[in-house]
Each structure stands twice: as C-alpha cells, then as structure tokens.
Amino acid sequence: MIAVSGYQTDWPQSPGATIVSLAKSRGDVLEALCDELGPEFRDVLRHGKRISPHLASSLEDRLGGSRGFWLRRDAAYQAAK
C-alpha cells in the first residue's frame, strides 16, 4: 500500500477528482483502472456516485490511501454538496 497523507483542498473536491489527480501523478491510465475496478469505479468517476466500502478497499490496494481515507473523502464531499 502507498501512503497518502496531508492531501487536502480548500474546496469540496469529489472523490472522483481525487482519484484522477492521484492516478495522473502516479502515471496510471484511467481506462486501465476502469477495466480493473469495474462499473462501480466508472460510476464514481463519470457520475459522482458514492464510494462503497468494497470499492474503498480496492482503491486502497490500487491507488493507496486507506479504506477509511476513501470513505471519509466521500462522506466529506457528500456533506459539502
């Protein structure tokens, strides 16, 4: 797992935007991530859907950050909307 710490913005950024930023900084290709992580992942990126605990675990394994990081990121964004 890759540690993600201190990642904050001054505005409510969607989890999808966070994923795109992290993927680009790591050199990951989003289409490959979509193929690997499936339709739920695509829905988060394209339609702003919520991150499930299962997807949060997959993001932890694939992009880093903890499962809790992804769930808190999603909850904070939903509360700010």
Protein backbone atom coordinates (compact mmCIF):
# COMPACT_ATOMS: atom_id res chain seq x y z
CA MET A 1 0.00 0.00 0.00
CA ILE A 2 1.16 3.52 -0.78
CA ALA A 3 0.68 6.09 1.97
CA VAL A 4 -1.35 9.18 1.19
CA SER A 5 -1.12 11.85 3.83
CA GLY A 6 -1.87 15.51 4.10
CA TYR A 7 -3.96 15.59 0.93
CA GLN A 8 -6.37 18.48 1.39
CA THR A 9 -8.03 21.12 -0.72
CA ASP A 10 -9.76 24.38 0.12
CA TRP A 11 -12.91 23.32 -1.72
CA PRO A 12 -15.06 20.21 -1.65
CA GLN A 13 -13.38 18.01 -4.24
CA SER A 14 -15.22 14.93 -5.41
CA PRO A 15 -13.64 11.56 -4.72
CA GLY A 16 -13.54 11.07 -8.50
CA ALA A 17 -11.41 14.20 -8.89
CA THR A 18 -9.09 12.95 -6.15
CA ILE A 19 -8.78 9.61 -7.95
CA VAL A 20 -7.98 11.32 -11.25
CA SER A 21 -5.32 13.51 -9.60
CA LEU A 22 -3.66 10.59 -7.84
CA ALA A 23 -3.79 8.36 -10.91
CA LYS A 24 -2.23 11.04 -13.10
CA SER A 25 0.52 11.75 -10.56
CA ARG A 26 1.35 8.04 -10.47
CA GLY A 27 1.24 7.65 -14.25
CA ASP A 28 -1.73 5.30 -14.16
CA VAL A 29 -4.03 5.16 -17.17
CA LEU A 30 -7.64 5.76 -16.11
CA GLU A 31 -9.05 3.40 -18.72
CA ALA A 32 -6.90 0.59 -17.32
CA LEU A 33 -8.13 1.39 -13.82
CA CYS A 34 -11.72 1.35 -15.09
CA ASP A 35 -11.16 -2.08 -16.64
CA GLU A 36 -9.56 -3.36 -13.45
CA LEU A 37 -12.00 -1.88 -10.91
CA GLY A 38 -15.22 -2.22 -12.90
CA PRO A 39 -18.52 -0.42 -13.37
CA GLU A 40 -18.81 0.95 -9.85
CA PHE A 41 -15.47 2.72 -10.30
CA ARG A 42 -16.64 4.16 -13.63
CA ASP A 43 -19.80 5.46 -11.95
CA VAL A 44 -17.74 7.27 -9.31
CA LEU A 45 -15.60 8.92 -11.98
CA ARG A 46 -18.29 9.74 -14.51
CA HIS A 47 -21.40 10.28 -12.43
CA GLY A 48 -20.18 11.22 -8.97
CA LYS A 49 -21.66 8.12 -7.35
CA ARG A 50 -20.77 7.24 -3.76
CA ILE A 51 -17.80 5.08 -2.90
CA SER A 52 -18.83 1.78 -1.34
CA PRO A 53 -16.74 0.06 1.33
CA HIS A 54 -15.81 -2.59 -1.24
CA LEU A 55 -14.57 0.00 -3.75
CA ALA A 56 -12.75 1.85 -0.97
CA SER A 57 -10.81 -1.34 -0.24
CA SER A 58 -9.99 -1.74 -3.94
CA LEU A 59 -8.80 1.87 -4.12
CA GLU A 60 -6.63 1.28 -1.06
CA ASP A 61 -4.98 -1.67 -2.79
CA ARG A 62 -4.62 0.01 -6.18
CA LEU A 63 -4.02 3.73 -5.53
CA GLY A 64 -3.01 3.91 -1.89
CA GLY A 65 -4.61 5.72 0.98
CA SER A 66 -6.59 3.70 3.46
CA ARG A 67 -10.09 2.36 3.07
CA GLY A 68 -11.08 4.90 5.72
CA PHE A 69 -9.46 7.73 3.74
CA TRP A 70 -11.66 6.99 0.73
CA LEU A 71 -14.82 6.63 2.79
CA ARG A 72 -14.12 9.85 4.70
CA ARG A 73 -13.33 11.65 1.44
CA ASP A 74 -16.66 10.54 0.03
CA ALA A 75 -18.58 11.48 3.20
CA ALA A 76 -16.98 14.93 3.36
CA TYR A 77 -17.82 15.61 -0.26
CA GLN A 78 -21.42 14.47 0.18
CA ALA A 79 -21.80 16.68 3.28
CA ALA A 80 -20.38 19.69 1.43
CA LYS A 81 -22.67 19.32 -1.59
